[in-house]
Amino acid sequence: MPVYRIQDGVDSLKNNETIFQQCVRILSSKNTLILLPEGNHSGYWRLRPLKKGLARIAFQAQKEN
């Protein structure tokens, strides 16, 4: 499931709510969700900063359960 960034276009950011809700449903049903918060396709091997989407999904799942 893609997560949209501002560089993907401001209008695409509204699609994140649907994706985040899908993630919360997966976690709420006791299934496993694999998140790749540093994922991109640059040619550099380095640790990248984590973004807020991972925490947002976790907190939403906790709040709903």
Protein backbone atom coordinates (compact mmCIF):
# COMPACT_ATOMS: atom_id res chain seq x y z
CA MET A 1 0.00 0.00 0.00
CA PRO A 2 1.54 3.31 -0.97
CA VAL A 3 1.85 6.26 1.35
CA TYR A 4 1.69 9.57 -0.43
CA ARG A 5 4.13 12.40 0.22
CA ILE A 6 3.90 16.09 -0.47
CA GLN A 7 6.38 15.65 -3.30
CA ASP A 8 3.86 13.28 -4.92
CA GLY A 9 1.48 16.23 -5.16
CA VAL A 10 -0.52 18.00 -2.48
CA ASP A 11 -3.77 16.58 -3.84
CA SER A 12 -2.49 13.02 -3.37
CA LEU A 13 -2.09 13.49 0.41
CA LYS A 14 -5.81 12.97 0.95
CA ASN A 15 -5.33 9.35 -0.17
CA ASN A 16 -3.30 8.64 2.97
CA GLU A 17 -6.37 8.58 5.20
CA THR A 18 -7.73 5.56 3.31
CA ILE A 19 -4.37 3.79 3.45
CA PHE A 20 -3.95 4.52 7.17
CA GLN A 21 -7.45 3.20 7.91
CA GLN A 22 -6.63 0.00 6.02
CA CYS A 23 -3.53 -0.39 8.18
CA VAL A 24 -5.56 0.14 11.36
CA ARG A 25 -8.10 -2.50 10.22
CA ILE A 26 -5.27 -4.98 9.59
CA LEU A 27 -3.81 -4.38 13.04
CA SER A 28 -7.23 -4.43 14.70
CA SER A 29 -7.94 -7.87 13.27
CA LYS A 30 -4.74 -9.19 14.91
CA ASN A 31 -2.94 -9.55 11.58
CA THR A 32 0.65 -8.62 10.87
CA LEU A 33 1.51 -5.43 9.05
CA ILE A 34 5.00 -4.90 7.69
CA LEU A 35 5.98 -1.27 7.38
CA LEU A 36 9.02 -0.04 5.51
CA PRO A 37 9.25 3.52 6.84
CA GLU A 38 12.58 4.27 5.21
CA GLY A 39 11.64 2.85 1.85
CA ASN A 40 12.64 4.65 -1.30
CA HIS A 41 14.56 3.83 -4.39
CA SER A 42 17.66 5.98 -4.24
CA GLY A 43 21.00 4.33 -4.84
CA TYR A 44 22.39 5.20 -1.42
CA TRP A 45 22.87 2.75 1.43
CA ARG A 46 22.26 4.76 4.59
CA LEU A 47 19.82 5.00 7.45
CA ARG A 48 17.17 7.57 6.62
CA PRO A 49 15.11 9.60 9.08
CA LEU A 50 11.79 8.09 10.10
CA LYS A 51 8.67 10.00 9.13
CA LYS A 52 5.53 10.58 11.18
CA GLY A 53 3.28 8.16 9.24
CA LEU A 54 4.51 5.12 11.16
CA ALA A 55 3.69 6.71 14.52
CA ARG A 56 0.37 7.99 13.21
CA ILE A 57 -0.73 4.49 12.19
CA ALA A 58 0.38 3.04 15.54
CA PHE A 59 -1.43 5.70 17.57
CA GLN A 60 -4.62 5.39 15.50
CA ALA A 61 -4.63 1.60 15.98
CA GLN A 62 -4.07 1.99 19.71
CA LYS A 63 -6.83 4.59 20.01
CA GLU A 64 -9.37 2.40 18.18
CA ASN A 65 -8.51 -0.71 20.20
